[in-house]
């Protein structure tokens, strides 16, 4: 069973890697990016990747913040005298 799961994970990683390579090759067009007073050019694939990475980081930070907040609330609710 374990060997089958490892094979499945390997095939999944290889398939996802292949999809990323195809995506990158199809989106090599350089686009102009303007934000506030900055302006620069980069590959469309990199723009999408960086946007995704920023979204993942924001989600990770917010999830950690909310988990700590709910942990603090649970601790204060379980204290005697409240």
PDB file of N, CA and C in Angstrom:
ATOM      1  N   UNK A   1       0.832  -1.199   0.000  1.00  0.00           N
ATOM      2  CA  UNK A   1       0.000   0.000   0.000  1.00  0.00           C
ATOM      3  C   UNK A   1       0.875   1.261   0.000  1.00  0.00           C
ATOM      4  N   UNK A   2       1.903   1.296   0.828  1.00  0.00           N
ATOM      5  CA  UNK A   2       2.772   2.468   0.928  1.00  0.00           C
ATOM      6  C   UNK A   2       3.474   2.727  -0.403  1.00  0.00           C
ATOM      7  N   UNK A   3       3.950   1.671  -1.044  1.00  0.00           N
ATOM      8  CA  UNK A   3       4.641   1.827  -2.319  1.00  0.00           C
ATOM      9  C   UNK A   3       3.701   2.404  -3.372  1.00  0.00           C
ATOM     10  N   UNK A   4       2.448   1.962  -3.361  1.00  0.00           N
ATOM     11  CA  UNK A   4       1.455   2.472  -4.300  1.00  0.00           C
ATOM     12  C   UNK A   4       1.218   3.964  -4.079  1.00  0.00           C
ATOM     13  N   UNK A   5       1.153   4.406  -2.829  1.00  0.00           N
ATOM     14  CA  UNK A   5       0.947   5.816  -2.520  1.00  0.00           C
ATOM     15  C   UNK A   5       2.142   6.654  -2.982  1.00  0.00           C
ATOM     16  N   UNK A   6       3.357   6.123  -2.777  1.00  0.00           N
ATOM     17  CA  UNK A   6       4.551   6.847  -3.220  1.00  0.00           C
ATOM     18  C   UNK A   6       4.564   6.987  -4.738  1.00  0.00           C
ATOM     19  N   UNK A   7       4.162   5.923  -5.445  1.00  0.00           N
ATOM     20  CA  UNK A   7       4.087   5.980  -6.908  1.00  0.00           C
ATOM     21  C   UNK A   7       3.048   7.008  -7.345  1.00  0.00           C
ATOM     22  N   UNK A   8       1.915   7.026  -6.674  1.00  0.00           N
ATOM     23  CA  UNK A   8       0.860   7.972  -7.009  1.00  0.00           C
ATOM     24  C   UNK A   8       1.325   9.407  -6.800  1.00  0.00           C
ATOM     25  N   UNK A   9       2.012   9.665  -5.697  1.00  0.00           N
ATOM     26  CA  UNK A   9       2.546  11.012  -5.428  1.00  0.00           C
ATOM     27  C   UNK A   9       3.565  11.402  -6.490  1.00  0.00           C
ATOM     28  N   UNK A  10       4.428  10.468  -6.876  1.00  0.00           N
ATOM     29  CA  UNK A  10       5.431  10.747  -7.901  1.00  0.00           C
ATOM     30  C   UNK A  10       4.761  11.117  -9.220  1.00  0.00           C
ATOM     31  N   UNK A  11       3.752  10.354  -9.640  1.00  0.00           N
ATOM     32  CA  UNK A  11       3.045  10.645 -10.887  1.00  0.00           C
ATOM     33  C   UNK A  11       2.320  11.985 -10.810  1.00  0.00           C
ATOM     34  N   UNK A  12       1.753  12.296  -9.657  1.00  0.00           N
ATOM     35  CA  UNK A  12       1.067  13.567  -9.479  1.00  0.00           C
ATOM     36  C   UNK A  12       2.046  14.737  -9.579  1.00  0.00           C
ATOM     37  N   UNK A  13       3.201  14.606  -8.940  1.00  0.00           N
ATOM     38  CA  UNK A  13       4.220  15.660  -9.002  1.00  0.00           C
ATOM     39  C   UNK A  13       4.729  15.818 -10.431  1.00  0.00           C
ATOM     40  N   UNK A  14       4.958  14.726 -11.117  1.00  0.00           N
ATOM     41  CA  UNK A  14       5.423  14.804 -12.509  1.00  0.00           C
ATOM     42  C   UNK A  14       4.376  15.455 -13.409  1.00  0.00           C
ATOM     43  N   UNK A  15       3.104  15.118 -13.220  1.00  0.00           N
ATOM     44  CA  UNK A  15       2.034  15.715 -14.024  1.00  0.00           C
ATOM     45  C   UNK A  15       1.929  17.212 -13.751  1.00  0.00           C
ATOM     46  N   UNK A  16       1.975  17.602 -12.476  1.00  0.00           N
ATOM     47  CA  UNK A  16       1.897  19.026 -12.138  1.00  0.00           C
ATOM     48  C   UNK A  16       3.103  19.793 -12.666  1.00  0.00           C
ATOM     49  N   UNK A  17       4.274  19.184 -12.605  1.00  0.00           N
ATOM     50  CA  UNK A  17       5.482  19.812 -13.145  1.00  0.00           C
ATOM     51  C   UNK A  17       5.347  20.014 -14.649  1.00  0.00           C
ATOM     52  N   UNK A  18       4.830  19.011 -15.322  1.00  0.00           N
ATOM     53  CA  UNK A  18       4.602  19.127 -16.764  1.00  0.00           C
ATOM     54  C   UNK A  18       3.625  20.238 -17.097  1.00  0.00           C
ATOM     55  N   UNK A  19       2.551  20.359 -16.313  1.00  0.00           N
ATOM     56  CA  UNK A  19       1.578  21.428 -16.538  1.00  0.00           C
ATOM     57  C   UNK A  19       2.191  22.808 -16.307  1.00  0.00           C
ATOM     58  N   UNK A  20       3.042  22.924 -15.295  1.00  0.00           N
ATOM     59  CA  UNK A  20       3.713  24.202 -15.026  1.00  0.00           C
ATOM     60  C   UNK A  20       4.646  24.567 -16.181  1.00  0.00           C
ATOM     61  N   UNK A  21       5.375  23.583 -16.705  1.00  0.00           N
ATOM     62  CA  UNK A  21       6.280  23.840 -17.835  1.00  0.00           C
ATOM     63  C   UNK A  21       5.479  24.286 -19.056  1.00  0.00           C
ATOM     64  N   UNK A  22       4.371  23.602 -19.347  1.00  0.00           N
ATOM     65  CA  UNK A  22       3.538  23.984 -20.493  1.00  0.00           C
ATOM     66  C   UNK A  22       2.980  25.384 -20.291  1.00  0.00           C
ATOM     67  N   UNK A  23       2.475  25.669 -19.087  1.00  0.00           N
ATOM     68  CA  UNK A  23       1.936  26.998 -18.782  1.00  0.00           C
ATOM     69  C   UNK A  23       2.993  28.077 -18.995  1.00  0.00           C
ATOM     70  N   UNK A  24       4.185  27.823 -18.500  1.00  0.00           N
ATOM     71  CA  UNK A  24       5.266  28.808 -18.621  1.00  0.00           C
ATOM     72  C   UNK A  24       5.636  29.039 -20.085  1.00  0.00           C
ATOM     73  N   UNK A  25       5.740  27.977 -20.848  1.00  0.00           N
ATOM     74  CA  UNK A  25       6.105  28.113 -22.256  1.00  0.00           C
ATOM     75  C   UNK A  25       5.031  28.845 -23.055  1.00  0.00           C
ATOM     76  N   UNK A  26       3.768  28.717 -22.665  1.00  0.00           N
ATOM     77  CA  UNK A  26       2.693  29.378 -23.390  1.00  0.00           C
ATOM     78  C   UNK A  26       2.490  30.831 -22.940  1.00  0.00           C
ATOM     79  N   UNK A  27       3.151  31.245 -21.880  1.00  0.00           N
ATOM     80  CA  UNK A  27       2.957  32.596 -21.361  1.00  0.00           C
ATOM     81  C   UNK A  27       4.271  33.350 -21.194  1.00  0.00           C
ATOM     82  N   UNK A  28       5.130  33.261 -22.199  1.00  0.00           N
ATOM     83  CA  UNK A  28       6.435  33.925 -22.125  1.00  0.00           C
ATOM     84  C   UNK A  28       6.380  35.370 -22.613  1.00  0.00           C
ATOM     85  N   UNK A  29       5.225  35.803 -23.089  1.00  0.00           N
ATOM     86  CA  UNK A  29       5.082  37.162 -23.597  1.00  0.00           C
ATOM     87  C   UNK A  29       5.408  38.159 -22.490  1.00  0.00           C
ATOM     88  N   UNK A  30       6.201  39.160 -22.824  1.00  0.00           N
ATOM     89  CA  UNK A  30       6.564  40.192 -21.861  1.00  0.00           C
ATOM     90  C   UNK A  30       5.440  41.225 -21.815  1.00  0.00           C
ATOM     91  N   UNK A  31       4.997  41.542 -20.604  1.00  0.00           N
ATOM     92  CA  UNK A  31       3.931  42.526 -20.424  1.00  0.00           C
ATOM     93  C   UNK A  31       4.454  43.675 -19.567  1.00  0.00           C
ATOM     94  N   UNK A  32       3.867  44.849 -19.779  1.00  0.00           N
ATOM     95  CA  UNK A  32       4.225  46.029 -18.983  1.00  0.00           C
ATOM     96  C   UNK A  32       3.341  46.063 -17.742  1.00  0.00           C
ATOM     97  N   UNK A  33       3.968  46.267 -16.605  1.00  0.00           N
ATOM     98  CA  UNK A  33       3.260  46.347 -15.332  1.00  0.00           C
ATOM     99  C   UNK A  33       3.415  47.766 -14.807  1.00  0.00           C
ATOM    100  N   UNK A  34       2.305  48.398 -14.462  1.00  0.00           N
ATOM    101  CA  UNK A  34       2.338  49.726 -13.848  1.00  0.00           C
ATOM    102  C   UNK A  34       1.583  49.652 -12.538  1.00  0.00           C
ATOM    103  N   UNK A  35       2.228  50.102 -11.471  1.00  0.00           N
ATOM    104  CA  UNK A  35       1.607  50.141 -10.151  1.00  0.00           C
ATOM    105  C   UNK A  35       2.063  51.404  -9.457  1.00  0.00           C
ATOM    106  N   UNK A  36       1.108  52.262  -9.149  1.00  0.00           N
ATOM    107  CA  UNK A  36       1.382  53.575  -8.560  1.00  0.00           C
ATOM    108  C   UNK A  36       2.408  54.304  -9.425  1.00  0.00           C
ATOM    109  N   UNK A  37       3.602  54.543  -8.938  1.00  0.00           N
ATOM    110  CA  UNK A  37       4.599  55.253  -9.748  1.00  0.00           C
ATOM    111  C   UNK A  37       5.704  54.330 -10.253  1.00  0.00           C
ATOM    112  N   UNK A  38       5.539  53.009 -10.089  1.00  0.00           N
ATOM    113  CA  UNK A  38       6.506  52.049 -10.620  1.00  0.00           C
ATOM    114  C   UNK A  38       6.018  51.540 -11.967  1.00  0.00           C
ATOM    115  N   UNK A  39       6.954  51.221 -12.813  1.00  0.00           N
ATOM    116  CA  UNK A  39       6.635  50.635 -14.109  1.00  0.00           C
ATOM    117  C   UNK A  39       7.773  49.702 -14.501  1.00  0.00           C
ATOM    118  N   UNK A  40       7.433  48.475 -14.879  1.00  0.00           N
ATOM    119  CA  UNK A  40       8.456  47.517 -15.304  1.00  0.00           C
ATOM    120  C   UNK A  40       7.830  46.476 -16.211  1.00  0.00           C
ATOM    121  N   UNK A  41       8.681  45.708 -16.870  1.00  0.00           N
ATOM    122  CA  UNK A  41       8.235  44.665 -17.792  1.00  0.00           C
ATOM    123  C   UNK A  41       8.725  43.313 -17.292  1.00  0.00           C
ATOM    124  N   UNK A  42       7.871  42.317 -17.447  1.00  0.00           N
ATOM    125  CA  UNK A  42       8.261  40.948 -17.096  1.00  0.00           C
ATOM    126  C   UNK A  42       7.346  39.958 -17.808  1.00  0.00           C
ATOM    127  N   UNK A  43       7.736  38.710 -17.781  1.00  0.00           N
ATOM    128  CA  UNK A  43       6.970  37.651 -18.418  1.00  0.00           C
ATOM    129  C   UNK A  43       5.598  37.505 -17.755  1.00  0.00           C
ATOM    130  N   UNK A  44       4.582  37.229 -18.551  1.00  0.00           N
ATOM    131  CA  UNK A  44       3.229  37.049 -18.030  1.00  0.00           C
ATOM    132  C   UNK A  44       3.179  35.905 -17.030  1.00  0.00           C
ATOM    133  N   UNK A  45       3.924  34.832 -17.290  1.00  0.00           N
ATOM    134  CA  UNK A  45       3.946  33.690 -16.367  1.00  0.00           C
ATOM    135  C   UNK A  45       4.497  34.107 -15.003  1.00  0.00           C
ATOM    136  N   UNK A  46       5.534  34.947 -14.998  1.00  0.00           N
ATOM    137  CA  UNK A  46       6.094  35.420 -13.729  1.00  0.00           C
ATOM    138  C   UNK A  46       5.111  36.328 -12.988  1.00  0.00           C
ATOM    139  N   UNK A  47       4.381  37.155 -13.719  1.00  0.00           N
ATOM    140  CA  UNK A  47       3.375  38.010 -13.081  1.00  0.00           C
ATOM    141  C   UNK A  47       2.332  37.144 -12.378  1.00  0.00           C
ATOM    142  N   UNK A  48       1.852  36.119 -13.065  1.00  0.00           N
ATOM    143  CA  UNK A  48       0.848  35.230 -12.471  1.00  0.00           C
ATOM    144  C   UNK A  48       1.438  34.481 -11.284  1.00  0.00           C
ATOM    145  N   UNK A  49       2.674  33.998 -11.415  1.00  0.00           N
ATOM    146  CA  UNK A  49       3.314  33.282 -10.317  1.00  0.00           C
ATOM    147  C   UNK A  49       3.479  34.169  -9.090  1.00  0.00           C
ATOM    148  N   UNK A  50       3.977  35.399  -9.286  1.00  0.00           N
ATOM    149  CA  UNK A  50       4.176  36.296  -8.146  1.00  0.00           C
ATOM    150  C   UNK A  50       2.849  36.690  -7.498  1.00  0.00           C
ATOM    151  N   UNK A  51       1.810  36.866  -8.317  1.00  0.00           N
ATOM    152  CA  UNK A  51       0.489  37.175  -7.767  1.00  0.00           C
ATOM    153  C   UNK A  51      -0.006  36.017  -6.911  1.00  0.00           C
ATOM    154  N   UNK A  52       0.166  34.798  -7.399  1.00  0.00           N
ATOM    155  CA  UNK A  52      -0.217  33.617  -6.625  1.00  0.00           C
ATOM    156  C   UNK A  52       0.586  33.520  -5.333  1.00  0.00           C
ATOM    157  N   UNK A  53       1.892  33.747  -5.416  1.00  0.00           N
ATOM    158  CA  UNK A  53       2.755  33.662  -4.233  1.00  0.00           C
ATOM    159  C   UNK A  53       2.358  34.696  -3.177  1.00  0.00           C
ATOM    160  N   UNK A  54       2.052  35.909  -3.623  1.00  0.00           N
ATOM    161  CA  UNK A  54       1.623  36.948  -2.682  1.00  0.00           C
ATOM    162  C   UNK A  54       0.309  36.548  -2.027  1.00  0.00           C
ATOM    163  N   UNK A  55      -0.611  35.994  -2.791  1.00  0.00           N
ATOM    164  CA  UNK A  55      -1.888  35.540  -2.233  1.00  0.00           C
ATOM    165  C   UNK A  55      -1.708  34.421  -1.218  1.00  0.00           C
ATOM    166  N   UNK A  56      -0.802  33.487  -1.502  1.00  0.00           N
ATOM    167  CA  UNK A  56      -0.532  32.389  -0.569  1.00  0.00           C
ATOM    168  C   UNK A  56       0.056  32.938   0.724  1.00  0.00           C
ATOM    169  N   UNK A  57       0.989  33.861   0.633  1.00  0.00           N
ATOM    170  CA  UNK A  57       1.600  34.436   1.829  1.00  0.00           C
ATOM    171  C   UNK A  57       0.561  35.192   2.655  1.00  0.00           C
ATOM    172  N   UNK A  58      -0.279  35.980   2.004  1.00  0.00           N
ATOM    173  CA  UNK A  58      -1.324  36.709   2.731  1.00  0.00           C
ATOM    174  C   UNK A  58      -2.274  35.730   3.423  1.00  0.00           C
ATOM    175  N   UNK A  59      -2.679  34.680   2.731  1.00  0.00           N
ATOM    176  CA  UNK A  59      -3.554  33.673   3.330  1.00  0.00           C
ATOM    177  C   UNK A  59      -2.898  32.972   4.498  1.00  0.00           C
ATOM    178  N   UNK A  60      -1.622  32.660   4.387  1.00  0.00           N
ATOM    179  CA  UNK A  60      -0.889  31.982   5.460  1.00  0.00           C
ATOM    180  C   UNK A  60      -0.798  32.873   6.695  1.00  0.00           C
ATOM    181  N   UNK A  61      -0.492  34.157   6.471  1.00  0.00           N
ATOM    182  CA  UNK A  61      -0.383  35.097   7.594  1.00  0.00           C
ATOM    183  C   UNK A  61      -1.742  35.287   8.264  1.00  0.00           C
ATOM    184  N   UNK A  62      -2.791  35.469   7.474  1.00  0.00           N
ATOM    185  CA  UNK A  62      -4.124  35.655   8.057  1.00  0.00           C
ATOM    186  C   UNK A  62      -4.597  34.416   8.803  1.00  0.00           C
ATOM    187  N   UNK A  63      -4.315  33.242   8.270  1.00  0.00           N
ATOM    188  CA  UNK A  63      -4.714  32.003   8.939  1.00  0.00           C
ATOM    189  C   UNK A  63      -4.014  31.880  10.294  1.00  0.00           C
ATOM    190  N   UNK A  64      -2.728  32.194  10.342  1.00  0.00           N
ATOM    191  CA  UNK A  64      -1.984  32.152  11.596  1.00  0.00           C
ATOM    192  C   UNK A  64      -2.520  33.159  12.595  1.00  0.00           C
ATOM    193  N   UNK A  65      -2.845  34.346  12.117  1.00  0.00           N
ATOM    194  CA  UNK A  65      -3.390  35.391  12.998  1.00  0.00           C
ATOM    195  C   UNK A  65      -4.734  34.954  13.577  1.00  0.00           C
ATOM    196  N   UNK A  66      -5.606  34.429  12.722  1.00  0.00           N
ATOM    197  CA  UNK A  66      -6.924  34.006  13.195  1.00  0.00           C
ATOM    198  C   UNK A  66      -6.826  32.807  14.135  1.00  0.00           C
ATOM    199  N   UNK A  67      -5.879  31.905  13.877  1.00  0.00           N
ATOM    200  CA  UNK A  67      -5.704  30.744  14.763  1.00  0.00           C
ATOM    201  C   UNK A  67      -5.228  31.200  16.146  1.00  0.00           C
ATOM    202  N   UNK A  68      -4.286  32.142  16.181  1.00  0.00           N
ATOM    203  CA  UNK A  68      -3.817  32.655  17.474  1.00  0.00           C
ATOM    204  C   UNK A  68      -4.928  33.404  18.203  1.00  0.00           C
ATOM    205  N   UNK A  69      -5.727  34.149  17.466  1.00  0.00           N
ATOM    206  CA  UNK A  69      -6.820  34.903  18.073  1.00  0.00           C
ATOM    207  C   UNK A  69      -7.852  33.954  18.682  1.00  0.00           C
ATOM    208  N   UNK A  70      -8.240  32.912  17.962  1.00  0.00           N
ATOM    209  CA  UNK A  70      -9.227  31.973  18.502  1.00  0.00           C
ATOM    210  C   UNK A  70      -8.649  31.170  19.663  1.00  0.00           C
ATOM    211  N   UNK A  71      -7.345  30.895  19.642  1.00  0.00           N
ATOM    212  CA  UNK A  71      -6.703  30.193  20.755  1.00  0.00           C
ATOM    213  C   UNK A  71      -6.723  31.064  22.010  1.00  0.00           C
ATOM    214  N   UNK A  72      -6.442  32.353  21.849  1.00  0.00           N
ATOM    215  CA  UNK A  72      -6.489  33.274  22.994  1.00  0.00           C
ATOM    216  C   UNK A  72      -7.905  33.384  23.553  1.00  0.00           C
ATOM    217  N   UNK A  73      -8.896  33.446  22.665  1.00  0.00           N
ATOM    218  CA  UNK A  73     -10.278  33.538  23.121  1.00  0.00           C
ATOM    219  C   UNK A  73     -10.707  32.271  23.851  1.00  0.00           C
ATOM    220  N   UNK A  74     -10.283  31.118  23.362  1.00  0.00           N
ATOM    221  CA  UNK A  74     -10.624  29.851  24.012  1.00  0.00           C
ATOM    222  C   UNK A  74      -9.965  29.758  25.383  1.00  0.00           C
ATOM    223  N   UNK A  75      -8.733  30.226  25.481  1.00  0.00           N
ATOM    224  CA  UNK A  75      -8.030  30.210  26.769  1.00  0.00           C
ATOM    225  C   UNK A  75      -8.702  31.128  27.783  1.00  0.00           C
ATOM    226  N   UNK A  76      -9.101  32.324  27.341  1.00  0.00           N
ATOM    227  CA  UNK A  76      -9.720  33.264  28.279  1.00  0.00           C
ATOM    228  C   UNK A  76     -11.117  32.797  28.661  1.00  0.00           C
ATOM    229  N   UNK A  77     -11.815  32.080  27.797  1.00  0.00           N
ATOM    230  CA  UNK A  77     -13.150  31.576  28.126  1.00  0.00           C
ATOM    231  C   UNK A  77     -13.091  30.407  29.099  1.00  0.00           C
ATOM    232  N   UNK A  78     -11.975  29.670  29.107  1.00  0.00           N
ATOM    233  CA  UNK A  78     -11.872  28.500  29.989  1.00  0.00           C
ATOM    234  C   UNK A  78     -11.338  28.865  31.371  1.00  0.00           C
ATOM    235  N   UNK A  79     -10.966  30.122  31.583  1.00  0.00           N
ATOM    236  CA  UNK A  79     -10.485  30.545  32.901  1.00  0.00           C
ATOM    237  C   UNK A  79     -11.634  30.595  33.884  1.00  0.00           C
ATOM    238  N   UNK A  80     -11.394  30.146  35.123  1.00  0.00           N
ATOM    239  CA  UNK A  80     -12.451  30.261  36.132  1.00  0.00           C
ATOM    240  C   UNK A  80     -12.696  31.716  36.492  1.00  0.00           C
ATOM    241  N   UNK A  81     -13.944  32.018  36.858  1.00  0.00           N
ATOM    242  CA  UNK A  81     -14.272  33.362  37.253  1.00  0.00           C
ATOM    243  C   UNK A  81     -14.785  34.218  36.106  1.00  0.00           C
ATOM    244  N   UNK A  82     -14.954  33.653  34.945  1.00  0.00           N
ATOM    245  CA  UNK A  82     -15.472  34.414  33.788  1.00  0.00           C
ATOM    246  C   UNK A  82     -16.824  33.920  33.402  1.00  0.00           C
TER     247      UNK A  82
END
